[in-house]
Amino acid sequence: MEAIKFGEGVDIHELLVKRRSGRAFDAQRPLSDEDVHALLEAARWAPSGGNAQPWRVLVLQEPERKR
């Protein structure tokens, strides 16, 4: 199968085949500020239909505010 390239030469087939689900998620493990910023930056670049960008994000880091 010929590789399908996307953007900066990324092989779409390789991305799909090598993707993994995160099943060991620990909601009690705190994230560093750097991790939170990296996740928000990645989300900011996520595509949306018609470039509508309908998402809203609320970051709660204080345990008493989380439900």
N, C-alpha and C. Protein backbone atom coordinates (compact mmCIF):
# COMPACT_ATOMS: atom_id res chain seq x y z
N MET A 1 0.85 -1.18 0.00
CA MET A 1 0.00 0.00 0.00
C MET A 1 0.90 1.24 0.00
N GLU A 2 0.57 2.17 -0.86
CA GLU A 2 1.33 3.42 -0.94
C GLU A 2 0.94 4.32 0.24
N ALA A 3 1.94 4.92 0.85
CA ALA A 3 1.70 5.80 2.01
C ALA A 3 0.94 7.05 1.57
N ILE A 4 -0.04 7.43 2.36
CA ILE A 4 -0.79 8.66 2.12
C ILE A 4 -0.20 9.72 3.04
N LYS A 5 0.35 10.75 2.46
CA LYS A 5 1.01 11.79 3.25
C LYS A 5 0.06 12.94 3.51
N PHE A 6 0.24 13.56 4.65
CA PHE A 6 -0.63 14.67 5.05
C PHE A 6 0.24 15.74 5.69
N GLY A 7 -0.03 16.98 5.36
CA GLY A 7 0.69 18.09 6.00
C GLY A 7 2.19 17.99 5.82
N GLU A 8 2.87 17.87 6.94
CA GLU A 8 4.34 17.86 6.96
C GLU A 8 4.91 16.47 6.66
N GLY A 9 4.29 15.75 5.74
CA GLY A 9 4.78 14.43 5.37
C GLY A 9 4.37 13.35 6.35
N VAL A 10 3.32 13.58 7.13
CA VAL A 10 2.84 12.60 8.09
C VAL A 10 2.09 11.50 7.35
N ASP A 11 2.41 10.24 7.64
CA ASP A 11 1.77 9.10 7.02
C ASP A 11 0.49 8.78 7.77
N ILE A 12 -0.66 9.04 7.15
CA ILE A 12 -1.97 8.85 7.78
C ILE A 12 -2.16 7.40 8.20
N HIS A 13 -1.81 6.46 7.34
CA HIS A 13 -1.98 5.04 7.66
C HIS A 13 -1.19 4.69 8.92
N GLU A 14 0.03 5.15 9.01
CA GLU A 14 0.85 4.86 10.19
C GLU A 14 0.21 5.43 11.46
N LEU A 15 -0.32 6.65 11.38
CA LEU A 15 -0.98 7.25 12.54
C LEU A 15 -2.18 6.41 12.99
N LEU A 16 -2.99 5.96 12.03
CA LEU A 16 -4.17 5.19 12.36
C LEU A 16 -3.82 3.83 12.94
N VAL A 17 -2.83 3.18 12.37
CA VAL A 17 -2.45 1.85 12.83
C VAL A 17 -1.79 1.89 14.21
N LYS A 18 -1.03 2.92 14.49
CA LYS A 18 -0.26 2.99 15.73
C LYS A 18 -0.98 3.72 16.86
N ARG A 19 -2.20 4.20 16.63
CA ARG A 19 -2.90 4.92 17.68
C ARG A 19 -3.26 3.99 18.82
N ARG A 20 -3.35 4.54 20.01
CA ARG A 20 -3.67 3.74 21.19
C ARG A 20 -4.71 4.46 22.03
N SER A 21 -5.52 3.69 22.73
CA SER A 21 -6.49 4.25 23.67
C SER A 21 -5.84 4.34 25.05
N GLY A 22 -6.17 5.40 25.76
CA GLY A 22 -5.63 5.57 27.11
C GLY A 22 -6.56 4.94 28.13
N ARG A 23 -6.32 3.72 28.52
CA ARG A 23 -7.20 3.03 29.46
C ARG A 23 -6.71 3.12 30.90
N ALA A 24 -5.54 3.65 31.10
CA ALA A 24 -4.99 3.74 32.46
C ALA A 24 -5.12 5.16 33.00
N PHE A 25 -6.19 5.84 32.62
CA PHE A 25 -6.40 7.22 33.05
C PHE A 25 -6.64 7.26 34.56
N ASP A 26 -5.95 8.15 35.24
CA ASP A 26 -6.09 8.31 36.69
C ASP A 26 -6.55 9.74 36.96
N ALA A 27 -7.84 9.90 37.24
CA ALA A 27 -8.41 11.23 37.45
C ALA A 27 -7.89 11.89 38.73
N GLN A 28 -7.29 11.11 39.61
CA GLN A 28 -6.77 11.66 40.87
C GLN A 28 -5.35 12.20 40.72
N ARG A 29 -4.67 11.83 39.64
CA ARG A 29 -3.29 12.28 39.44
C ARG A 29 -3.29 13.71 38.89
N PRO A 30 -2.70 14.64 39.63
CA PRO A 30 -2.70 16.03 39.15
C PRO A 30 -1.79 16.22 37.93
N LEU A 31 -2.17 17.15 37.09
CA LEU A 31 -1.35 17.51 35.93
C LEU A 31 -0.55 18.77 36.25
N SER A 32 0.63 18.82 35.70
CA SER A 32 1.44 20.04 35.87
C SER A 32 0.84 21.15 35.02
N ASP A 33 1.18 22.38 35.35
CA ASP A 33 0.72 23.52 34.53
C ASP A 33 1.19 23.37 33.09
N GLU A 34 2.41 22.84 32.91
CA GLU A 34 2.94 22.66 31.56
C GLU A 34 2.11 21.65 30.78
N ASP A 35 1.68 20.56 31.45
CA ASP A 35 0.84 19.57 30.79
C ASP A 35 -0.52 20.17 30.40
N VAL A 36 -1.10 20.94 31.29
CA VAL A 36 -2.40 21.58 31.00
C VAL A 36 -2.26 22.52 29.81
N HIS A 37 -1.21 23.32 29.78
CA HIS A 37 -1.00 24.24 28.66
C HIS A 37 -0.78 23.48 27.35
N ALA A 38 -0.05 22.37 27.41
CA ALA A 38 0.19 21.57 26.20
C ALA A 38 -1.11 20.97 25.68
N LEU A 39 -1.96 20.47 26.58
CA LEU A 39 -3.25 19.91 26.17
C LEU A 39 -4.16 20.99 25.58
N LEU A 40 -4.18 22.16 26.20
CA LEU A 40 -5.00 23.25 25.68
C LEU A 40 -4.51 23.72 24.31
N GLU A 41 -3.21 23.75 24.13
CA GLU A 41 -2.66 24.15 22.83
C GLU A 41 -3.01 23.13 21.75
N ALA A 42 -2.93 21.84 22.09
CA ALA A 42 -3.30 20.80 21.13
C ALA A 42 -4.79 20.91 20.77
N ALA A 43 -5.63 21.14 21.76
CA ALA A 43 -7.07 21.29 21.51
C ALA A 43 -7.36 22.51 20.66
N ARG A 44 -6.60 23.56 20.87
CA ARG A 44 -6.81 24.79 20.10
C ARG A 44 -6.58 24.57 18.61
N TRP A 45 -5.70 23.65 18.27
CA TRP A 45 -5.39 23.37 16.87
C TRP A 45 -6.29 22.29 16.26
N ALA A 46 -7.20 21.70 17.06
CA ALA A 46 -8.08 20.64 16.55
C ALA A 46 -9.04 21.23 15.51
N PRO A 47 -9.29 20.50 14.44
CA PRO A 47 -10.20 21.00 13.41
C PRO A 47 -11.65 20.98 13.89
N SER A 48 -12.45 21.83 13.31
CA SER A 48 -13.90 21.82 13.57
C SER A 48 -14.62 22.05 12.25
N GLY A 49 -15.83 21.54 12.17
CA GLY A 49 -16.62 21.67 10.94
C GLY A 49 -16.87 23.13 10.60
N GLY A 50 -16.51 23.52 9.41
CA GLY A 50 -16.72 24.90 8.97
C GLY A 50 -15.93 25.90 9.79
N ASN A 51 -14.90 25.43 10.48
CA ASN A 51 -14.07 26.28 11.35
C ASN A 51 -14.93 27.02 12.39
N ALA A 52 -16.01 26.35 12.83
CA ALA A 52 -16.93 26.96 13.80
C ALA A 52 -16.31 27.11 15.18
N GLN A 53 -15.39 26.21 15.52
CA GLN A 53 -14.70 26.22 16.81
C GLN A 53 -15.70 26.36 17.97
N PRO A 54 -16.62 25.38 18.11
CA PRO A 54 -17.70 25.49 19.09
C PRO A 54 -17.32 25.14 20.53
N TRP A 55 -16.10 24.75 20.77
CA TRP A 55 -15.74 24.25 22.10
C TRP A 55 -15.50 25.36 23.11
N ARG A 56 -15.77 25.02 24.34
CA ARG A 56 -15.47 25.88 25.48
C ARG A 56 -14.76 25.01 26.50
N VAL A 57 -13.74 25.52 27.15
CA VAL A 57 -12.93 24.74 28.08
C VAL A 57 -12.92 25.43 29.43
N LEU A 58 -13.09 24.63 30.46
CA LEU A 58 -13.01 25.11 31.83
C LEU A 58 -11.99 24.24 32.55
N VAL A 59 -10.92 24.83 33.02
CA VAL A 59 -9.87 24.09 33.72
C VAL A 59 -10.04 24.34 35.21
N LEU A 60 -10.32 23.24 35.93
CA LEU A 60 -10.46 23.32 37.39
C LEU A 60 -9.29 22.57 38.02
N GLN A 61 -8.53 23.26 38.86
CA GLN A 61 -7.40 22.62 39.50
C GLN A 61 -7.54 22.54 41.02
N GLU A 62 -8.55 23.18 41.56
CA GLU A 62 -8.77 23.15 43.01
C GLU A 62 -9.71 22.01 43.33
N PRO A 63 -9.29 21.06 44.16
CA PRO A 63 -10.12 19.86 44.45
C PRO A 63 -11.53 20.21 44.94
N GLU A 64 -11.69 21.25 45.73
CA GLU A 64 -13.01 21.59 46.26
C GLU A 64 -13.97 22.10 45.18
N ARG A 65 -13.47 22.51 44.04
CA ARG A 65 -14.32 22.99 42.95
C ARG A 65 -14.73 21.89 42.00
N LYS A 66 -14.01 20.77 42.05
CA LYS A 66 -14.32 19.64 41.17
C LYS A 66 -15.49 18.86 41.74
N ARG A 67 -16.37 18.36 40.87
CA ARG A 67 -17.51 17.55 41.32
C ARG A 67 -17.52 16.24 40.61
